[in-house]
Each structure stands twice: as structure tokens, then as C-alpha cells.
Amino acid sequence: MRRREFMALAGGAVICCLRPAAAQDAGRSYRVGWLGSTAASFTEPYSAAFVQRLRELGFVEGGNLTLERRQAEGRLDKLPALARELAELKCDVFFGSGLEASLAALVHASSDTPIVFVAVDFDPVATGDVASLSRPGGRVTGITALQSVLPAKRLELLKELLPGVSKVAVLSNEQTTEQLSVVQGTARRLGIPLHVVNFARPPFDYEAAFAEALGAKADALFVLGSGLWVPARKKIVELALKARLPAVFHHSQWAETGGLMSYGFDFPWMWRRGADMVATVLRGNKVGDIPMEQPTTFELAINMRTANSLGITIPPAILLRADKVFE
């Protein structure tokens, strides 16, 4: 089904105009330091899209490109040491995603290495990492994806899908504070009671979380967007199905895995655009001259197998709006 297009910053056009003659030097090798929060940071389809896009642009891992991957095993306190380790390798550019803590670690690890970052759920203008989206001005650029309205939209979709829902369990962690606030406000407006299951530091006890949700008599599940859930995507979906809880998530890979519904960013697009920016820096352009961009598409995905197994009829109005339907 046709994907709905939204307006974006005109950064892509600007990137195309930046030093077009500054192609990579023949015979030169490049090094990119890549910082992730978990091992899944490097194995997700959007991560593969990042590597593939670099290859398309002439930067081939194992050829003229070395990707130095470091991941924190879900422990945010490990990020600064990992970033310093990358800095000692004299990388041409740093790439990171997802966490404000990850960007902060990269910024403090080196005073001059350019940084391309996919910022999810924080505003790099507000943090002072860039002067503005159109002219970052310093040594950071990338994609910024704020979920300020998306959690509200997801809860509205859940209510539209299940008008008789009586209580929604919400999975939250240290990354999702702002999202949780949005969901709580939306729940009050819609008259939906919530039961918030707050996780502390990894490893997370998902079985206990679902037992708590069922004990609270929740009849649906709302999983806030967080990279810390990614290693347990299959487990969370399986537990939701076992508990017979209709679940909504923040991007389509969750629906593809078996979650009932998702609504959120097109993650592979974001990482491919990040690769475009990394390549632009490697070709000699100043990172501060590369405008940041915002997502251009949002996807609604439905898993019909899961709907059928839960005995849920998807309203035609939702099916007509869906961008992806997994049969």
C-alpha cells in the first residue's frame, strides 16, 4: 500500500551540492568508529542498510573502509570508555544512534572528530550539540527523529482498534521518560487507565513484567520505543502472544516479528541517510555545513496473523491506512 509522505528538511539537496568534486581518494582507506548501545545495534536491518548504502557510495567494508564497532551491552555507563577507545583509533568520522548518552560520549571522547548521529527521542539543538538543524555549525550532524507526537498517535490507534480496552500496560525504561509523559497525557484525554511497568537497568526480567501486567488486569500492551528492547524483540512479542495481549510498537520490525501493530519512523531510511552524511564527510566536506534532516515517512504496520490468532478484527479504516500488512 502507498506510503504517506511528509515534508522534510531540504538537507538531501544540500548534501548533493556540497563539494561534488571531492570524491574519495583512489587507494586511500577510511576508518569509521561506530558506537552502539547493544550488539543488536550492528545486526538490525537498518544497520545493514547503513553498510549497504556506504557500499553503494564507494566505501566498502573490507576494502577501502574499516568499520570499528563498539557496543555497550545495554549498559549506558560503558559508553564513555568505548567512545574513548574509538578516539584512540584515529577515526575519520564517528557514527552513532539512538541515545543522547551515546552522542555525549562521542563528543567528549575527541575534540575534533566529526560525528554523524541518528538522534532518536532527543533534540540536539536543545542539548546544544548543534546550533540549528539547517546549519549545525559544529562537528555534529545527522538525522533527528523526535517522537513527540508519535506515542500519542499510537495510543489513539490502539483505542481505535480496541474501543473496549479497559487498561493498557506500558513497558518503560530509562530511555523513555518523555514518551511516557506523552502517553500518560493522551491516556487521560482518551479515558484509558494505564499500568506502567518500569524497568531498571539491564538485564530486564520480561517474564516478571508480563506477570505484573496480567496481575494488574491489563488487556492490551503499549511498548515505548527504546533500543534497549531490541535484543529481546522476539521474546517480548512471544510473551505478548502467550499472554494474549494485543500489543502496539514503535516501528514495523516489531509487527513483522509478530506484534499486532506498529506506527513510527522508517528506520532503514534514517540509517541510509546517515550513511549519505558519513560519505559526505569522508569526501572532505565540513560536518557543520551539512544540514540535519528529519524523517520523511511514517509507517503503520499490521500483523494479520497475530490479529487472527487473538480473534481481533482489524477495522477497514485502519487497514486502508496501513503501509505494511503482514499476512
Foldseek 3Di string as FASTA:
>chain_A
DDFDWFDKPPLVVVLCVFPVVLAFDPPAAAEEEEEEAAPVVCVDPLNVLLQVLLVVSPHHDVPRYPYHYDYNNQDLVCQLVSLLVVVVVVHQAYEYEDDPSNVVSVCVSDPDRAYEYHYEADDCCVVVCAVDQQFRPGRYAAEYEHCQCVLLVQVVLVCVQPVPFAEEEEEEEPRCVNSVVSNVVSCVVSVHHYHYDYAYGDPGDLVVSLVVCVVVVGQAYEYEDHPSCVVCLLVNQVSCLVSLHQYEYADCVSVVSPHFKYKHAPSSVRSSVSSSLVSSVSSPGRSSNRGHMYGTGMFIEGEVVNCVSSVGDGDPVSVVNGPYYHD
